[in-house]
Amino acid sequence: MKLNKKLVKSYAYAFNTPEGQAVLADLEEVSGFLEMTDSTDPVELGYLSAKRDFYLYIKLMLDEAKESK
């Protein structure tokens, strides 16, 4: 995936503050990132996967910002 460098910097700017870190921690919890998925319902699995992917995208942007320094 090709990432926009200016947008990557914007993510780093937004999330590398105490407030941004608090929001990121909340998103980690809400996304279920650290939880095992135990549903067999395909619709629920898709929903849970999308929440997790959303959080992973934010982490990808922040990791890219760290690497580009």
C-alpha atoms as a PDB file:
ATOM      1  CA  MET A   1       0.000   0.000   0.000  1.00  0.00           C
ATOM      2  CA  LYS A   2       1.341   3.417  -0.969  1.00  0.00           C
ATOM      3  CA  LEU A   3       1.063   5.867   1.916  1.00  0.00           C
ATOM      4  CA  ASN A   4       0.814   9.637   1.645  1.00  0.00           C
ATOM      5  CA  LYS A   5       3.810  11.015   3.578  1.00  0.00           C
ATOM      6  CA  LYS A   6       2.020  14.225   4.545  1.00  0.00           C
ATOM      7  CA  LEU A   7      -0.918  12.220   5.917  1.00  0.00           C
ATOM      8  CA  VAL A   8       1.460   9.930   7.835  1.00  0.00           C
ATOM      9  CA  LYS A   9       2.976  13.018   9.478  1.00  0.00           C
ATOM     10  CA  SER A  10      -0.518  14.247  10.335  1.00  0.00           C
ATOM     11  CA  TYR A  11      -1.323  10.961  12.085  1.00  0.00           C
ATOM     12  CA  ALA A  12       1.905  11.217  14.068  1.00  0.00           C
ATOM     13  CA  TYR A  13       1.146  14.816  15.007  1.00  0.00           C
ATOM     14  CA  ALA A  14      -2.372  13.934  16.174  1.00  0.00           C
ATOM     15  CA  PHE A  15      -1.538  10.771  18.106  1.00  0.00           C
ATOM     16  CA  ASN A  16       1.846  11.694  19.607  1.00  0.00           C
ATOM     17  CA  THR A  17       0.324  13.952  22.239  1.00  0.00           C
ATOM     18  CA  PRO A  18      -0.952  12.882  25.659  1.00  0.00           C
ATOM     19  CA  GLU A  19      -4.517  13.362  24.393  1.00  0.00           C
ATOM     20  CA  GLY A  20      -3.776  11.416  21.225  1.00  0.00           C
ATOM     21  CA  GLN A  21      -2.258   8.571  23.240  1.00  0.00           C
ATOM     22  CA  ALA A  22      -5.416   8.455  25.403  1.00  0.00           C
ATOM     23  CA  VAL A  23      -7.589   8.269  22.273  1.00  0.00           C
ATOM     24  CA  LEU A  24      -5.339   5.567  20.794  1.00  0.00           C
ATOM     25  CA  ALA A  25      -5.592   3.489  23.975  1.00  0.00           C
ATOM     26  CA  ASP A  26      -9.379   3.828  23.886  1.00  0.00           C
ATOM     27  CA  LEU A  27      -9.504   2.811  20.214  1.00  0.00           C
ATOM     28  CA  GLU A  28      -7.350  -0.233  21.008  1.00  0.00           C
ATOM     29  CA  GLU A  29      -9.860  -1.316  23.635  1.00  0.00           C
ATOM     30  CA  VAL A  30     -12.957  -0.543  21.564  1.00  0.00           C
ATOM     31  CA  SER A  31     -11.530  -2.297  18.495  1.00  0.00           C
ATOM     32  CA  GLY A  32     -11.026  -5.549  20.374  1.00  0.00           C
ATOM     33  CA  PHE A  33      -7.465  -5.614  19.092  1.00  0.00           C
ATOM     34  CA  LEU A  34      -6.142  -7.660  22.014  1.00  0.00           C
ATOM     35  CA  GLU A  35      -9.136 -10.000  22.308  1.00  0.00           C
ATOM     36  CA  MET A  36      -9.711 -13.398  20.777  1.00  0.00           C
ATOM     37  CA  THR A  37     -12.724 -13.661  18.485  1.00  0.00           C
ATOM     38  CA  ASP A  38     -14.971 -16.517  19.530  1.00  0.00           C
ATOM     39  CA  SER A  39     -17.995 -15.975  17.305  1.00  0.00           C
ATOM     40  CA  THR A  40     -19.037 -18.371  14.552  1.00  0.00           C
ATOM     41  CA  ASP A  41     -21.504 -15.884  13.036  1.00  0.00           C
ATOM     42  CA  PRO A  42     -19.994 -14.706   9.730  1.00  0.00           C
ATOM     43  CA  VAL A  43     -21.654 -11.293   9.926  1.00  0.00           C
ATOM     44  CA  GLU A  44     -20.362 -10.684  13.438  1.00  0.00           C
ATOM     45  CA  LEU A  45     -16.909 -11.917  12.430  1.00  0.00           C
ATOM     46  CA  GLY A  46     -16.878  -9.445   9.551  1.00  0.00           C
ATOM     47  CA  TYR A  47     -17.888  -6.632  11.876  1.00  0.00           C
ATOM     48  CA  LEU A  48     -15.239  -7.528  14.461  1.00  0.00           C
ATOM     49  CA  SER A  49     -12.606  -7.869  11.754  1.00  0.00           C
ATOM     50  CA  ALA A  50     -13.453  -4.434  10.351  1.00  0.00           C
ATOM     51  CA  LYS A  51     -13.114  -2.831  13.801  1.00  0.00           C
ATOM     52  CA  ARG A  52      -9.741  -4.472  14.248  1.00  0.00           C
ATOM     53  CA  ASP A  53      -8.580  -3.480  10.751  1.00  0.00           C
ATOM     54  CA  PHE A  54      -9.502   0.140  11.429  1.00  0.00           C
ATOM     55  CA  TYR A  55      -7.252   0.190  14.500  1.00  0.00           C
ATOM     56  CA  LEU A  56      -4.485  -1.621  12.609  1.00  0.00           C
ATOM     57  CA  TYR A  57      -4.593   1.056   9.897  1.00  0.00           C
ATOM     58  CA  ILE A  58      -3.966   3.757  12.503  1.00  0.00           C
ATOM     59  CA  LYS A  59      -1.078   1.720  13.970  1.00  0.00           C
ATOM     60  CA  LEU A  60       0.344   1.250  10.464  1.00  0.00           C
ATOM     61  CA  MET A  61       0.348   4.991   9.928  1.00  0.00           C
ATOM     62  CA  LEU A  62       2.050   5.614  13.267  1.00  0.00           C
ATOM     63  CA  ASP A  63       4.640   2.898  12.649  1.00  0.00           C
ATOM     64  CA  GLU A  64       5.350   4.389   9.216  1.00  0.00           C
ATOM     65  CA  ALA A  65       5.878   7.802  10.830  1.00  0.00           C
ATOM     66  CA  LYS A  66       8.418   6.301  13.257  1.00  0.00           C
ATOM     67  CA  GLU A  67      10.301   4.588  10.426  1.00  0.00           C
ATOM     68  CA  SER A  68      10.475   7.710   8.276  1.00  0.00           C
ATOM     69  CA  LYS A  69      12.234   9.794  10.926  1.00  0.00           C
END
